[in-house]
């Protein structure tokens, strides 16, 4: 076990965890932030996507010891009131069905738009590739991202 000083959603937290613990479990089990979901555990599905200094990362493959002083943002920290433009677009386009993958989808889309405010269709498809939606709402996901990009 080791003490890690982390900045999660703008708040400093000191957590005592094994250095090899994936951030997914640090967030869920130690920081009590359960919006980040476990999907596959091998970084293939995207359900566990968080931002590390604004970059979309798979938290199931990121050990707490790799974070250092980088700022962590989870779905809970994306917007205090759920009014981030991507979250609003998700509602407007009725994206979610089961909803399980949506936190990861939203976090990936938000990182894309933060780095590229006006992505092309190909750039959206490329950036979202690898975020798996079991309900296959990919067309609505793409439309929601596109609607934010056109603002």
N, C-alpha and C. Protein backbone atom coordinates (compact mmCIF):
# COMPACT_ATOMS: atom_id res chain seq x y z
N UNK A 1 0.85 -1.18 0.00
CA UNK A 1 0.00 0.00 0.00
C UNK A 1 0.90 1.24 0.00
N UNK A 2 0.35 2.30 -0.60
CA UNK A 2 1.08 3.57 -0.65
C UNK A 2 0.06 4.71 -0.65
N UNK A 3 0.49 5.85 -0.24
CA UNK A 3 -0.36 7.04 -0.22
C UNK A 3 -0.21 7.76 -1.55
N UNK A 4 -1.34 8.05 -2.20
CA UNK A 4 -1.35 8.80 -3.45
C UNK A 4 -2.18 10.06 -3.26
N UNK A 5 -1.58 11.19 -3.66
CA UNK A 5 -2.27 12.47 -3.63
C UNK A 5 -2.81 12.72 -5.03
N UNK A 6 -4.10 12.58 -5.19
CA UNK A 6 -4.74 12.68 -6.49
C UNK A 6 -5.67 13.88 -6.55
N UNK A 7 -5.77 14.46 -7.73
CA UNK A 7 -6.76 15.50 -7.97
C UNK A 7 -7.84 14.88 -8.85
N UNK A 8 -8.99 14.65 -8.24
CA UNK A 8 -10.11 13.99 -8.93
C UNK A 8 -11.27 14.97 -8.98
N UNK A 9 -11.69 15.30 -10.18
CA UNK A 9 -12.80 16.23 -10.39
C UNK A 9 -12.57 17.55 -9.65
N UNK A 10 -11.31 18.01 -9.69
CA UNK A 10 -10.96 19.29 -9.10
C UNK A 10 -10.73 19.28 -7.60
N UNK A 11 -10.88 18.12 -6.98
CA UNK A 11 -10.70 18.03 -5.53
C UNK A 11 -9.50 17.15 -5.22
N UNK A 12 -8.69 17.60 -4.29
CA UNK A 12 -7.52 16.82 -3.87
C UNK A 12 -7.97 15.73 -2.91
N UNK A 13 -7.48 14.53 -3.16
CA UNK A 13 -7.79 13.39 -2.30
C UNK A 13 -6.51 12.63 -2.01
N UNK A 14 -6.41 12.15 -0.82
CA UNK A 14 -5.28 11.31 -0.42
C UNK A 14 -5.82 9.90 -0.20
N UNK A 15 -5.33 8.97 -1.00
CA UNK A 15 -5.83 7.60 -0.93
C UNK A 15 -4.69 6.63 -0.70
N UNK A 16 -4.93 5.66 0.16
CA UNK A 16 -3.95 4.63 0.48
C UNK A 16 -4.34 3.36 -0.27
N UNK A 17 -3.63 3.09 -1.37
CA UNK A 17 -3.95 1.93 -2.20
C UNK A 17 -2.67 1.27 -2.71
N UNK A 18 -2.80 0.06 -3.17
CA UNK A 18 -1.70 -0.64 -3.81
C UNK A 18 -1.33 0.12 -5.09
N UNK A 19 -0.06 0.38 -5.35
CA UNK A 19 0.37 1.13 -6.53
C UNK A 19 -0.05 0.52 -7.86
N UNK A 20 -0.33 -0.78 -7.89
CA UNK A 20 -0.71 -1.44 -9.15
C UNK A 20 -2.23 -1.42 -9.39
N UNK A 21 -2.98 -0.87 -8.45
CA UNK A 21 -4.44 -0.86 -8.58
C UNK A 21 -4.85 -0.01 -9.77
N UNK A 22 -5.68 -0.55 -10.66
CA UNK A 22 -6.17 0.26 -11.78
C UNK A 22 -7.03 1.42 -11.28
N UNK A 23 -6.94 2.55 -11.96
CA UNK A 23 -7.70 3.74 -11.58
C UNK A 23 -9.19 3.46 -11.52
N UNK A 24 -9.69 2.56 -12.36
CA UNK A 24 -11.11 2.19 -12.31
C UNK A 24 -11.51 1.82 -10.90
N UNK A 25 -10.71 0.97 -10.26
CA UNK A 25 -11.05 0.48 -8.92
C UNK A 25 -10.71 1.50 -7.85
N UNK A 26 -9.70 2.32 -8.08
CA UNK A 26 -9.41 3.41 -7.15
C UNK A 26 -10.62 4.35 -7.10
N UNK A 27 -11.13 4.69 -8.28
CA UNK A 27 -12.29 5.60 -8.35
C UNK A 27 -13.52 4.98 -7.71
N UNK A 28 -13.83 3.76 -8.09
CA UNK A 28 -15.06 3.12 -7.63
C UNK A 28 -14.99 2.70 -6.16
N UNK A 29 -13.90 2.06 -5.76
CA UNK A 29 -13.83 1.45 -4.43
C UNK A 29 -13.23 2.35 -3.35
N UNK A 30 -12.42 3.32 -3.75
CA UNK A 30 -11.74 4.14 -2.75
C UNK A 30 -12.22 5.60 -2.76
N UNK A 31 -12.60 6.12 -3.93
CA UNK A 31 -13.07 7.50 -4.02
C UNK A 31 -14.60 7.57 -4.07
N UNK A 32 -15.25 6.41 -4.10
CA UNK A 32 -16.72 6.32 -4.13
C UNK A 32 -17.34 7.06 -5.31
N UNK A 33 -16.67 7.00 -6.46
CA UNK A 33 -17.18 7.57 -7.70
C UNK A 33 -17.51 6.40 -8.63
N UNK A 34 -18.76 6.04 -8.70
CA UNK A 34 -19.15 4.82 -9.41
C UNK A 34 -19.71 5.06 -10.81
N UNK A 35 -19.61 6.28 -11.30
CA UNK A 35 -20.07 6.56 -12.66
C UNK A 35 -19.20 5.91 -13.72
N UNK A 36 -17.94 5.73 -13.42
CA UNK A 36 -17.02 5.05 -14.32
C UNK A 36 -17.30 3.56 -14.21
N UNK A 37 -17.61 2.94 -15.33
CA UNK A 37 -18.09 1.54 -15.32
C UNK A 37 -17.00 0.54 -15.70
N UNK A 38 -17.12 -0.64 -15.14
CA UNK A 38 -16.31 -1.78 -15.54
C UNK A 38 -17.02 -2.46 -16.71
N UNK A 39 -16.30 -2.63 -17.80
CA UNK A 39 -16.89 -3.32 -18.94
C UNK A 39 -16.17 -4.61 -19.25
N UNK A 40 -14.90 -4.48 -19.62
CA UNK A 40 -14.16 -5.67 -20.05
C UNK A 40 -12.91 -5.93 -19.23
N UNK A 41 -12.34 -4.91 -18.65
CA UNK A 41 -11.13 -5.06 -17.85
C UNK A 41 -9.84 -5.14 -18.65
N UNK A 42 -9.93 -5.06 -19.99
CA UNK A 42 -8.72 -5.14 -20.82
C UNK A 42 -8.56 -3.92 -21.73
N UNK A 43 -9.33 -2.87 -21.49
CA UNK A 43 -9.19 -1.63 -22.26
C UNK A 43 -9.78 -1.67 -23.64
N UNK A 44 -10.65 -2.62 -23.91
CA UNK A 44 -11.19 -2.77 -25.27
C UNK A 44 -12.57 -2.16 -25.47
N UNK A 45 -13.34 -1.94 -24.41
CA UNK A 45 -14.73 -1.53 -24.62
C UNK A 45 -14.97 -0.04 -24.41
N UNK A 46 -14.18 0.62 -23.58
CA UNK A 46 -14.32 2.05 -23.37
C UNK A 46 -15.28 2.46 -22.26
N UNK A 47 -15.96 1.52 -21.61
CA UNK A 47 -16.92 1.88 -20.56
C UNK A 47 -16.24 2.60 -19.41
N UNK A 48 -14.96 2.38 -19.21
CA UNK A 48 -14.23 2.94 -18.07
C UNK A 48 -13.48 4.22 -18.41
N UNK A 49 -13.80 4.86 -19.53
CA UNK A 49 -13.05 6.03 -19.98
C UNK A 49 -13.18 7.20 -19.01
N UNK A 50 -12.03 7.77 -18.68
CA UNK A 50 -11.92 8.98 -17.86
C UNK A 50 -11.02 9.95 -18.62
N UNK A 51 -10.85 11.14 -18.09
CA UNK A 51 -9.87 12.08 -18.65
C UNK A 51 -8.70 12.18 -17.69
N UNK A 52 -7.53 12.16 -18.25
CA UNK A 52 -6.30 12.39 -17.52
C UNK A 52 -5.67 13.62 -18.17
N UNK A 53 -5.72 14.75 -17.46
CA UNK A 53 -5.31 16.04 -18.04
C UNK A 53 -5.99 16.28 -19.38
N UNK A 54 -7.27 15.94 -19.45
CA UNK A 54 -8.07 16.20 -20.65
C UNK A 54 -8.00 15.15 -21.74
N UNK A 55 -7.17 14.15 -21.56
CA UNK A 55 -7.01 13.10 -22.56
C UNK A 55 -7.83 11.89 -22.13
N UNK A 56 -8.61 11.35 -23.05
CA UNK A 56 -9.42 10.16 -22.76
C UNK A 56 -8.51 8.97 -22.54
N UNK A 57 -8.73 8.28 -21.42
CA UNK A 57 -7.92 7.12 -21.05
C UNK A 57 -8.83 6.00 -20.55
N UNK A 58 -8.41 4.78 -20.77
CA UNK A 58 -9.13 3.62 -20.24
C UNK A 58 -8.63 3.40 -18.80
N UNK A 59 -9.48 3.64 -17.83
CA UNK A 59 -9.05 3.58 -16.43
C UNK A 59 -8.78 2.16 -15.96
N UNK A 60 -9.29 1.15 -16.65
CA UNK A 60 -9.03 -0.23 -16.23
C UNK A 60 -7.60 -0.65 -16.53
N UNK A 61 -6.93 0.09 -17.40
CA UNK A 61 -5.55 -0.25 -17.78
C UNK A 61 -4.54 0.76 -17.26
N UNK A 62 -4.99 1.69 -16.44
CA UNK A 62 -4.13 2.76 -15.92
C UNK A 62 -3.92 2.56 -14.42
N UNK A 63 -2.72 2.17 -14.04
CA UNK A 63 -2.42 1.97 -12.61
C UNK A 63 -2.35 3.33 -11.93
N UNK A 64 -2.78 3.38 -10.69
CA UNK A 64 -2.75 4.62 -9.92
C UNK A 64 -1.34 5.19 -9.87
N UNK A 65 -0.34 4.34 -9.87
CA UNK A 65 1.06 4.80 -9.81
C UNK A 65 1.49 5.53 -11.07
N UNK A 66 0.73 5.40 -12.16
CA UNK A 66 1.05 6.07 -13.42
C UNK A 66 0.48 7.48 -13.50
N UNK A 67 -0.41 7.83 -12.60
CA UNK A 67 -1.12 9.10 -12.70
C UNK A 67 -0.25 10.29 -12.34
N UNK A 68 0.54 10.17 -11.30
CA UNK A 68 1.37 11.28 -10.85
C UNK A 68 0.52 12.47 -10.46
N UNK A 69 0.85 13.65 -10.98
CA UNK A 69 0.13 14.86 -10.64
C UNK A 69 -0.92 15.25 -11.69
N UNK A 70 -1.17 14.37 -12.64
CA UNK A 70 -2.15 14.67 -13.66
C UNK A 70 -3.56 14.75 -13.04
N UNK A 71 -4.37 15.62 -13.60
CA UNK A 71 -5.74 15.80 -13.10
C UNK A 71 -6.66 14.75 -13.72
N UNK A 72 -7.46 14.14 -12.85
CA UNK A 72 -8.40 13.10 -13.25
C UNK A 72 -9.80 13.70 -13.30
N UNK A 73 -10.50 13.43 -14.39
CA UNK A 73 -11.90 13.84 -14.49
C UNK A 73 -12.72 12.61 -14.81
N UNK A 74 -13.77 12.40 -14.03
CA UNK A 74 -14.70 11.30 -14.27
C UNK A 74 -16.00 11.88 -14.80
N UNK A 75 -16.95 11.04 -15.13
CA UNK A 75 -18.24 11.51 -15.60
C UNK A 75 -18.90 12.41 -14.57
N UNK A 76 -18.67 12.14 -13.29
CA UNK A 76 -19.24 12.98 -12.23
C UNK A 76 -18.65 14.39 -12.26
N UNK A 77 -17.41 14.52 -12.72
CA UNK A 77 -16.73 15.81 -12.74
C UNK A 77 -16.84 16.55 -14.05
N UNK A 78 -17.42 15.91 -15.07
CA UNK A 78 -17.54 16.56 -16.37
C UNK A 78 -18.42 17.80 -16.25
N UNK A 79 -19.50 17.68 -15.50
CA UNK A 79 -20.42 18.79 -15.26
C UNK A 79 -21.15 18.54 -13.96
N UNK A 80 -21.15 19.53 -13.12
CA UNK A 80 -21.79 19.39 -11.81
C UNK A 80 -23.29 19.12 -11.93
N UNK A 81 -23.92 19.71 -12.95
CA UNK A 81 -25.37 19.60 -13.10
C UNK A 81 -25.80 18.75 -14.30
N UNK A 82 -24.87 18.04 -14.92
CA UNK A 82 -25.22 17.25 -16.09
C UNK A 82 -25.54 18.09 -17.30
N UNK A 83 -25.00 19.32 -17.34
CA UNK A 83 -25.33 20.22 -18.45
C UNK A 83 -24.14 20.48 -19.39
N UNK A 84 -23.18 19.59 -19.39
CA UNK A 84 -22.10 19.68 -20.38
C UNK A 84 -22.76 19.55 -21.76
N UNK A 85 -22.28 20.26 -22.77
CA UNK A 85 -22.90 20.18 -24.10
C UNK A 85 -23.06 18.76 -24.63
N UNK A 86 -22.11 17.88 -24.36
CA UNK A 86 -22.22 16.50 -24.82
C UNK A 86 -23.35 15.79 -24.07
N UNK A 87 -23.45 16.00 -22.78
CA UNK A 87 -24.53 15.38 -22.00
C UNK A 87 -25.89 15.87 -22.47
N UNK A 88 -26.00 17.14 -22.77
CA UNK A 88 -27.26 17.69 -23.28
C UNK A 88 -27.60 17.10 -24.65
N UNK A 89 -26.58 16.96 -25.50
CA UNK A 89 -26.80 16.38 -26.82
C UNK A 89 -27.24 14.92 -26.71
N UNK A 90 -26.69 14.20 -25.74
CA UNK A 90 -27.08 12.80 -25.52
C UNK A 90 -28.59 12.71 -25.24
N UNK A 91 -29.09 13.63 -24.44
CA UNK A 91 -30.52 13.65 -24.13
C UNK A 91 -31.34 14.06 -25.35
N UNK A 92 -30.90 15.09 -26.05
CA UNK A 92 -31.62 15.58 -27.23
C UNK A 92 -31.73 14.53 -28.32
N UNK A 93 -30.71 13.70 -28.44
CA UNK A 93 -30.68 12.68 -29.49
C UNK A 93 -31.11 11.31 -28.98
N UNK A 94 -31.56 11.26 -27.73
CA UNK A 94 -32.06 10.02 -27.13
C UNK A 94 -31.07 8.87 -27.35
N UNK A 95 -29.81 9.14 -27.02
CA UNK A 95 -28.74 8.18 -27.30
C UNK A 95 -28.86 6.91 -26.47
N UNK A 96 -29.01 7.07 -25.18
CA UNK A 96 -28.90 5.91 -24.29
C UNK A 96 -30.10 4.97 -24.39
N UNK A 97 -29.79 3.69 -24.38
CA UNK A 97 -30.83 2.68 -24.22
C UNK A 97 -30.58 2.04 -22.86
N UNK A 98 -29.70 1.07 -22.78
CA UNK A 98 -29.41 0.49 -21.46
C UNK A 98 -28.59 1.46 -20.62
N UNK A 99 -27.75 2.27 -21.27
CA UNK A 99 -26.99 3.29 -20.60
C UNK A 99 -25.65 2.87 -20.04
N UNK A 100 -25.35 1.59 -20.05
CA UNK A 100 -24.14 1.12 -19.38
C UNK A 100 -22.86 1.74 -19.94
N UNK A 101 -22.77 1.87 -21.23
CA UNK A 101 -21.54 2.39 -21.85
C UNK A 101 -21.50 3.91 -21.92
N UNK A 102 -22.59 4.56 -21.58
CA UNK A 102 -22.72 5.98 -21.89
C UNK A 102 -21.73 6.88 -21.19
N UNK A 103 -21.35 6.60 -19.97
CA UNK A 103 -20.35 7.45 -19.30
C UNK A 103 -19.05 7.44 -20.10
N UNK A 104 -18.62 6.26 -20.51
CA UNK A 104 -17.40 6.16 -21.31
C UNK A 104 -17.54 6.82 -22.67
N UNK A 105 -18.70 6.63 -23.29
CA UNK A 105 -18.95 7.27 -24.60
C UNK A 105 -18.89 8.80 -24.46
N UNK A 106 -19.56 9.32 -23.45
CA UNK A 106 -19.61 10.77 -23.22
C UNK A 106 -18.22 11.31 -22.93
N UNK A 107 -17.46 10.62 -22.09
CA UNK A 107 -16.12 11.08 -21.76
C UNK A 107 -15.22 11.09 -22.99
N UNK A 108 -15.33 10.08 -23.83
CA UNK A 108 -14.53 10.02 -25.05
C UNK A 108 -14.94 11.14 -26.00
N UNK A 109 -16.25 11.35 -26.16
CA UNK A 109 -16.74 12.41 -27.05
C UNK A 109 -16.32 13.79 -26.54
N UNK A 110 -16.40 14.01 -25.23
CA UNK A 110 -16.00 15.31 -24.66
C UNK A 110 -14.52 15.59 -24.90
N UNK A 111 -13.67 14.57 -24.75
CA UNK A 111 -12.24 14.74 -25.01
C UNK A 111 -12.00 15.05 -26.48
N UNK A 112 -12.70 14.36 -27.36
CA UNK A 112 -12.58 14.63 -28.79
C UNK A 112 -12.91 16.08 -29.08
N UNK A 113 -14.06 16.54 -28.61
CA UNK A 113 -14.52 17.90 -28.91
C UNK A 113 -13.67 18.96 -28.23
N UNK A 114 -13.09 18.62 -27.10
CA UNK A 114 -12.19 19.56 -26.43
C UNK A 114 -10.93 19.79 -27.26
N UNK A 115 -10.44 18.73 -27.89
CA UNK A 115 -9.23 18.82 -28.70
C UNK A 115 -9.49 19.19 -30.15
N UNK A 116 -10.70 18.94 -30.62
CA UNK A 116 -11.07 19.20 -32.01
C UNK A 116 -12.54 19.62 -32.04
N UNK A 117 -12.81 20.91 -31.84
CA UNK A 117 -14.20 21.37 -31.70
C UNK A 117 -15.10 21.14 -32.92
N UNK A 118 -14.50 20.96 -34.09
CA UNK A 118 -15.30 20.79 -35.31
C UNK A 118 -14.79 19.58 -36.11
N UNK A 119 -14.90 18.37 -35.53
CA UNK A 119 -14.39 17.19 -36.23
C UNK A 119 -15.26 16.82 -37.43
N UNK A 120 -14.62 16.22 -38.41
CA UNK A 120 -15.34 15.68 -39.55
C UNK A 120 -16.02 14.38 -39.14
N UNK A 121 -16.88 13.87 -40.01
CA UNK A 121 -17.52 12.58 -39.74
C UNK A 121 -16.47 11.49 -39.54
N UNK A 122 -15.43 11.52 -40.36
CA UNK A 122 -14.38 10.51 -40.26
C UNK A 122 -13.62 10.64 -38.94
N UNK A 123 -13.37 11.87 -38.51
CA UNK A 123 -12.67 12.08 -37.25
C UNK A 123 -13.52 11.63 -36.06
N UNK A 124 -14.82 11.86 -36.13
CA UNK A 124 -15.71 11.38 -35.07
C UNK A 124 -15.68 9.85 -35.03
N UNK A 125 -15.83 9.23 -36.18
CA UNK A 125 -15.82 7.76 -36.24
C UNK A 125 -14.50 7.20 -35.74
N UNK A 126 -13.40 7.81 -36.13
CA UNK A 126 -12.09 7.35 -35.70
C UNK A 126 -11.89 7.49 -34.20
N UNK A 127 -12.30 8.63 -33.65
CA UNK A 127 -12.12 8.87 -32.22
C UNK A 127 -13.00 7.97 -31.37
N UNK A 128 -14.19 7.67 -31.86
CA UNK A 128 -15.13 6.87 -31.08
C UNK A 128 -14.96 5.38 -31.32
N UNK A 129 -14.15 5.01 -32.30
CA UNK A 129 -13.89 3.61 -32.57
C UNK A 129 -13.29 2.94 -31.33
N UNK A 130 -13.85 1.84 -30.92
CA UNK A 130 -13.35 1.16 -29.73
C UNK A 130 -14.20 1.41 -28.50
N UNK A 131 -15.11 2.38 -28.55
CA UNK A 131 -16.09 2.54 -27.48
C UNK A 131 -17.30 1.72 -27.90
N UNK A 132 -17.47 0.59 -27.25
CA UNK A 132 -18.50 -0.36 -27.65
C UNK A 132 -19.83 -0.06 -26.97
N UNK A 133 -20.88 -0.07 -27.78
CA UNK A 133 -22.25 0.10 -27.28
C UNK A 133 -23.00 -1.19 -27.58
N UNK A 134 -23.35 -1.90 -26.54
CA UNK A 134 -24.05 -3.17 -26.72
C UNK A 134 -25.41 -2.99 -27.39
N UNK A 135 -26.01 -1.81 -27.23
CA UNK A 135 -27.33 -1.54 -27.82
C UNK A 135 -27.20 -0.99 -29.25
N UNK A 136 -25.98 -0.75 -29.69
CA UNK A 136 -25.69 -0.31 -31.05
C UNK A 136 -26.34 1.03 -31.40
N UNK A 137 -26.24 2.00 -30.49
CA UNK A 137 -26.80 3.33 -30.78
C UNK A 137 -25.76 4.22 -31.45
N UNK A 138 -24.89 3.65 -32.23
CA UNK A 138 -23.79 4.39 -32.86
C UNK A 138 -24.26 5.54 -33.73
N UNK A 139 -25.35 5.38 -34.44
CA UNK A 139 -25.84 6.46 -35.31
C UNK A 139 -26.26 7.66 -34.45
N UNK A 140 -26.93 7.39 -33.34
CA UNK A 140 -27.34 8.48 -32.45
C UNK A 140 -26.15 9.09 -31.72
N UNK A 141 -25.18 8.28 -31.35
CA UNK A 141 -23.95 8.79 -30.73
C UNK A 141 -23.27 9.76 -31.69
N UNK A 142 -23.13 9.34 -32.93
CA UNK A 142 -22.48 10.17 -33.95
C UNK A 142 -23.27 11.47 -34.15
N UNK A 143 -24.59 11.37 -34.24
CA UNK A 143 -25.42 12.57 -34.44
C UNK A 143 -25.30 13.53 -33.27
N UNK A 144 -25.25 13.00 -32.06
CA UNK A 144 -25.13 13.85 -30.88
C UNK A 144 -23.81 14.60 -30.88
N UNK A 145 -22.74 13.90 -31.21
CA UNK A 145 -21.42 14.54 -31.27
C UNK A 145 -21.42 15.61 -32.36
N UNK A 146 -21.96 15.26 -33.51
CA UNK A 146 -22.01 16.18 -34.64
C UNK A 146 -22.80 17.44 -34.28
N UNK A 147 -23.88 17.29 -33.52
CA UNK A 147 -24.69 18.46 -33.16
C UNK A 147 -23.91 19.41 -32.25
N UNK A 148 -23.07 18.88 -31.40
CA UNK A 148 -22.23 19.74 -30.54
C UNK A 148 -21.14 20.38 -31.38
N UNK A 149 -20.59 19.62 -32.30
CA UNK A 149 -19.50 20.12 -33.15
C UNK A 149 -19.97 21.24 -34.07
N UNK A 150 -21.24 21.26 -34.40
CA UNK A 150 -21.76 22.28 -35.31
C UNK A 150 -22.19 23.56 -34.61
N UNK A 151 -22.10 23.57 -33.28
CA UNK A 151 -22.52 24.76 -32.51
C UNK A 151 -21.54 25.87 -32.71
